[in-house]
Structures are given as structure tokens and as C-alpha cells.
C-alpha atoms as a PDB file:
ATOM      1  CA  UNK A   1     -16.026 -13.312  -7.201  1.00  0.00           C
ATOM      2  CA  UNK A   2     -16.971 -10.724  -4.728  1.00  0.00           C
ATOM      3  CA  UNK A   3     -14.636  -8.139  -4.487  1.00  0.00           C
ATOM      4  CA  UNK A   4     -14.498  -5.482  -1.322  1.00  0.00           C
ATOM      5  CA  UNK A   5     -12.798  -2.302  -1.184  1.00  0.00           C
ATOM      6  CA  UNK A   6     -12.391  -0.254   1.690  1.00  0.00           C
ATOM      7  CA  UNK A   7     -13.272   3.527   0.620  1.00  0.00           C
ATOM      8  CA  UNK A   8     -13.699   6.280   3.114  1.00  0.00           C
ATOM      9  CA  UNK A   9     -15.367   7.950   1.330  1.00  0.00           C
ATOM     10  CA  UNK A  10     -17.202   5.878  -1.945  1.00  0.00           C
ATOM     11  CA  UNK A  11     -14.157   7.391  -4.068  1.00  0.00           C
ATOM     12  CA  UNK A  12     -11.205   6.288  -3.866  1.00  0.00           C
ATOM     13  CA  UNK A  13      -9.283   3.747  -1.757  1.00  0.00           C
ATOM     14  CA  UNK A  14      -8.504   4.226   1.467  1.00  0.00           C
ATOM     15  CA  UNK A  15      -6.451   2.435   3.825  1.00  0.00           C
ATOM     16  CA  UNK A  16      -6.380   0.846   7.739  1.00  0.00           C
ATOM     17  CA  UNK A  17      -8.513  -1.909   6.293  1.00  0.00           C
ATOM     18  CA  UNK A  18      -8.555  -3.386  10.489  1.00  0.00           C
ATOM     19  CA  UNK A  19     -10.550  -0.262  10.998  1.00  0.00           C
ATOM     20  CA  UNK A  20     -12.246   0.384   7.697  1.00  0.00           C
ATOM     21  CA  UNK A  21     -15.489   0.951   8.475  1.00  0.00           C
ATOM     22  CA  UNK A  22     -16.865   2.189   4.691  1.00  0.00           C
ATOM     23  CA  UNK A  23     -16.424  -0.212   1.433  1.00  0.00           C
ATOM     24  CA  UNK A  24     -17.168  -0.516  -2.173  1.00  0.00           C
ATOM     25  CA  UNK A  25     -18.257  -4.442  -2.860  1.00  0.00           C
ATOM     26  CA  UNK A  26     -17.570  -4.830  -6.612  1.00  0.00           C
ATOM     27  CA  UNK A  27     -19.243  -8.596  -8.386  1.00  0.00           C
ATOM     28  CA  UNK A  28     -16.094  -9.654 -10.674  1.00  0.00           C
ATOM     29  CA  UNK A  29     -16.693 -12.151 -13.407  1.00  0.00           C
ATOM     30  CA  UNK A  30     -14.217 -13.230 -15.847  1.00  0.00           C
ATOM     31  CA  UNK A  31     -13.693 -11.165 -18.981  1.00  0.00           C
ATOM     32  CA  UNK A  32     -16.189  -8.571 -17.083  1.00  0.00           C
ATOM     33  CA  UNK A  33     -14.811  -4.496 -16.328  1.00  0.00           C
ATOM     34  CA  UNK A  34     -16.130  -3.876 -12.768  1.00  0.00           C
ATOM     35  CA  UNK A  35     -19.037  -2.201 -12.285  1.00  0.00           C
ATOM     36  CA  UNK A  36     -21.962  -1.049 -10.445  1.00  0.00           C
ATOM     37  CA  UNK A  37     -20.438  -1.178  -6.937  1.00  0.00           C
ATOM     38  CA  UNK A  38     -23.006  -2.075  -4.420  1.00  0.00           C
ATOM     39  CA  UNK A  39     -21.720   0.107  -1.199  1.00  0.00           C
ATOM     40  CA  UNK A  40     -21.856  -0.918   2.455  1.00  0.00           C
ATOM     41  CA  UNK A  41     -21.147   0.687   5.742  1.00  0.00           C
ATOM     42  CA  UNK A  42     -19.909  -1.580   9.239  1.00  0.00           C
ATOM     43  CA  UNK A  43     -21.719  -1.086  12.370  1.00  0.00           C
ATOM     44  CA  UNK A  44     -18.405   0.054  14.587  1.00  0.00           C
ATOM     45  CA  UNK A  45     -18.918  -3.138  16.102  1.00  0.00           C
ATOM     46  CA  UNK A  46     -18.572  -5.127  12.141  1.00  0.00           C
ATOM     47  CA  UNK A  47     -14.828  -3.424  11.383  1.00  0.00           C
ATOM     48  CA  UNK A  48     -12.357  -5.654  11.878  1.00  0.00           C
ATOM     49  CA  UNK A  49     -10.163  -4.189  14.322  1.00  0.00           C
ATOM     50  CA  UNK A  50     -13.331  -4.840  16.814  1.00  0.00           C
ATOM     51  CA  UNK A  51     -14.781  -7.598  15.404  1.00  0.00           C
ATOM     52  CA  UNK A  52     -14.687 -10.758  17.799  1.00  0.00           C
ATOM     53  CA  UNK A  53     -16.256 -13.180  15.509  1.00  0.00           C
ATOM     54  CA  UNK A  54     -19.439 -14.165  16.155  1.00  0.00           C
ATOM     55  CA  UNK A  55     -21.913 -14.981  14.206  1.00  0.00           C
ATOM     56  CA  UNK A  56     -22.288 -13.568  10.395  1.00  0.00           C
ATOM     57  CA  UNK A  57     -20.323 -10.656   9.347  1.00  0.00           C
ATOM     58  CA  UNK A  58     -21.382  -8.155   6.553  1.00  0.00           C
ATOM     59  CA  UNK A  59     -18.394  -9.358   4.263  1.00  0.00           C
ATOM     60  CA  UNK A  60     -18.861 -12.863   4.120  1.00  0.00           C
ATOM     61  CA  UNK A  61     -18.330 -14.596   1.378  1.00  0.00           C
ATOM     62  CA  UNK A  62     -15.674 -12.351  -0.160  1.00  0.00           C
ATOM     63  CA  UNK A  63     -12.909 -13.330  -2.164  1.00  0.00           C
ATOM     64  CA  UNK A  64     -10.967 -10.541  -1.843  1.00  0.00           C
ATOM     65  CA  UNK A  65     -10.023  -6.752  -0.175  1.00  0.00           C
ATOM     66  CA  UNK A  66      -8.402  -4.359  -1.847  1.00  0.00           C
ATOM     67  CA  UNK A  67      -7.125  -1.057   0.604  1.00  0.00           C
ATOM     68  CA  UNK A  68      -4.142   0.871   0.479  1.00  0.00           C
ATOM     69  CA  UNK A  69      -3.395   0.153   3.802  1.00  0.00           C
ATOM     70  CA  UNK A  70      -3.207  -3.173   7.069  1.00  0.00           C
ATOM     71  CA  UNK A  71      -1.531  -4.432   9.498  1.00  0.00           C
ATOM     72  CA  UNK A  72       0.234  -7.450   9.899  1.00  0.00           C
ATOM     73  CA  UNK A  73      -2.555  -9.033  11.970  1.00  0.00           C
ATOM     74  CA  UNK A  74      -5.176  -7.867   9.379  1.00  0.00           C
ATOM     75  CA  UNK A  75      -3.212  -9.725   7.087  1.00  0.00           C
ATOM     76  CA  UNK A  76      -2.991 -13.094   9.852  1.00  0.00           C
ATOM     77  CA  UNK A  77      -7.336 -12.659   9.646  1.00  0.00           C
ATOM     78  CA  UNK A  78      -7.318 -12.942   6.218  1.00  0.00           C
ATOM     79  CA  UNK A  79      -5.162 -15.499   5.624  1.00  0.00           C
ATOM     80  CA  UNK A  80      -7.230 -17.053   8.866  1.00  0.00           C
ATOM     81  CA  UNK A  81     -10.755 -16.172   6.440  1.00  0.00           C
ATOM     82  CA  UNK A  82      -8.934 -17.490   3.317  1.00  0.00           C
ATOM     83  CA  UNK A  83      -9.448 -13.666   1.567  1.00  0.00           C
ATOM     84  CA  UNK A  84      -7.359 -12.510  -0.291  1.00  0.00           C
ATOM     85  CA  UNK A  85      -5.688  -9.025   0.442  1.00  0.00           C
ATOM     86  CA  UNK A  86      -4.020  -7.302  -2.087  1.00  0.00           C
ATOM     87  CA  UNK A  87      -2.331  -3.685  -1.139  1.00  0.00           C
ATOM     88  CA  UNK A  88      -2.046  -1.323  -4.060  1.00  0.00           C
ATOM     89  CA  UNK A  89      -1.232   2.824  -5.085  1.00  0.00           C
ATOM     90  CA  UNK A  90      -4.114   2.774  -7.364  1.00  0.00           C
ATOM     91  CA  UNK A  91      -7.104   5.415  -5.867  1.00  0.00           C
ATOM     92  CA  UNK A  92      -9.906   4.597  -7.829  1.00  0.00           C
ATOM     93  CA  UNK A  93     -11.521   1.310  -7.394  1.00  0.00           C
ATOM     94  CA  UNK A  94     -13.030   0.087 -10.456  1.00  0.00           C
ATOM     95  CA  UNK A  95      -9.639   0.442 -11.628  1.00  0.00           C
ATOM     96  CA  UNK A  96      -8.000  -1.077  -9.472  1.00  0.00           C
ATOM     97  CA  UNK A  97     -10.290  -4.236  -9.167  1.00  0.00           C
ATOM     98  CA  UNK A  98     -10.140  -4.131 -12.794  1.00  0.00           C
ATOM     99  CA  UNK A  99      -6.310  -4.143 -12.112  1.00  0.00           C
ATOM    100  CA  UNK A 100      -5.519  -6.789  -9.552  1.00  0.00           C
ATOM    101  CA  UNK A 101      -8.239  -9.266 -11.517  1.00  0.00           C
ATOM    102  CA  UNK A 102      -5.583  -9.620 -14.786  1.00  0.00           C
ATOM    103  CA  UNK A 103      -2.584  -9.544 -12.465  1.00  0.00           C
ATOM    104  CA  UNK A 104      -1.236  -5.852 -13.210  1.00  0.00           C
ATOM    105  CA  UNK A 105      -1.668  -4.315  -8.972  1.00  0.00           C
ATOM    106  CA  UNK A 106      -0.299  -0.684  -9.282  1.00  0.00           C
ATOM    107  CA  UNK A 107       2.491  -1.182  -5.522  1.00  0.00           C
ATOM    108  CA  UNK A 108       0.793   0.680  -2.816  1.00  0.00           C
ATOM    109  CA  UNK A 109       3.351   4.147  -1.822  1.00  0.00           C
ATOM    110  CA  UNK A 110       6.305   2.774   0.513  1.00  0.00           C
ATOM    111  CA  UNK A 111       4.988   3.973   4.791  1.00  0.00           C
ATOM    112  CA  UNK A 112       7.592   3.387   6.790  1.00  0.00           C
ATOM    113  CA  UNK A 113       6.222   5.113   9.499  1.00  0.00           C
ATOM    114  CA  UNK A 114       2.873   4.299   9.093  1.00  0.00           C
ATOM    115  CA  UNK A 115       4.118   0.374   8.862  1.00  0.00           C
ATOM    116  CA  UNK A 116       5.430   0.852  11.989  1.00  0.00           C
ATOM    117  CA  UNK A 117       2.580   2.733  13.877  1.00  0.00           C
ATOM    118  CA  UNK A 118       0.276  -0.404  12.398  1.00  0.00           C
ATOM    119  CA  UNK A 119       2.945  -2.568  13.912  1.00  0.00           C
ATOM    120  CA  UNK A 120       2.487  -0.704  17.076  1.00  0.00           C
ATOM    121  CA  UNK A 121      -0.809  -0.799  17.319  1.00  0.00           C
ATOM    122  CA  UNK A 122      -1.208  -4.363  16.655  1.00  0.00           C
ATOM    123  CA  UNK A 123       1.404  -4.794  18.785  1.00  0.00           C
ATOM    124  CA  UNK A 124      -0.728  -3.123  21.899  1.00  0.00           C
ATOM    125  CA  UNK A 125      -4.149  -3.760  21.036  1.00  0.00           C
ATOM    126  CA  UNK A 126      -6.374  -5.515  22.889  1.00  0.00           C
ATOM    127  CA  UNK A 127      -8.476  -7.295  19.893  1.00  0.00           C
ATOM    128  CA  UNK A 128      -5.440  -9.086  18.451  1.00  0.00           C
ATOM    129  CA  UNK A 129      -6.375 -12.265  17.129  1.00  0.00           C
END
């Protein structure tokens, strides 16, 4: 399975999945430690916040996304694409993928103000789907 991790610096798990431009792609198989991720940098138009669902997307075919945060509209959109979204507090991308693959996800840190800002942004966004 192909797992995408939001990583603005290509070194740590970051958040704001709907606006993420940089991703690490891990191929995960049963009993395998995730290694040697492929880097992917999206154009502004390919960022999910701006993506119009027209044509192919570079992240088509992934089975899961691991991130530290995501808004409700992003979560709904990924559900419609049959992609599992996992929120984590783990900062190491390979460790986050490994933990998820065995069902031991580190819970994300609570972000009540950040969550409220994301909800407000989603409500006002012209890109809501």
C-alpha cells in the first residue's frame, strides 16, 4: 500500500494536509519497516485546498495519509476518495507509518484554537467540496 505523509521539510510529519505541498510517499508491505520514501512536491494548483477534482492527481492511488492536522472538509474529501486519513503526534515520518501499520498511532496533540481556525477557514472557503 502507498502511504503519503505531509512533510513540509521532508524530515518531519507536518500538518494542514489540505494545504500541504510537500509529501513523503512510503510503500508499505506486511511486516516491512517503511524506508526510502519518495519525495513529492505539488504545484499550487495540485494542493487539495485548490484541487478541482478534474483529471489525475499525483496522489491518486494512495491508501492512507498521515498528518498532524486536517480540516473537516479535507477529511470528507478524502473519505469520498476512499483514502484513510490518520492524525498523529509522531514527528518522524517512517516511525509514524510503522506505528500506523501495526495499529499503534501516537495521538495528535490537542489544538482547540487551531481546530477552530480550520473550521472557520473551511466555512469561508470557496474551495469547499
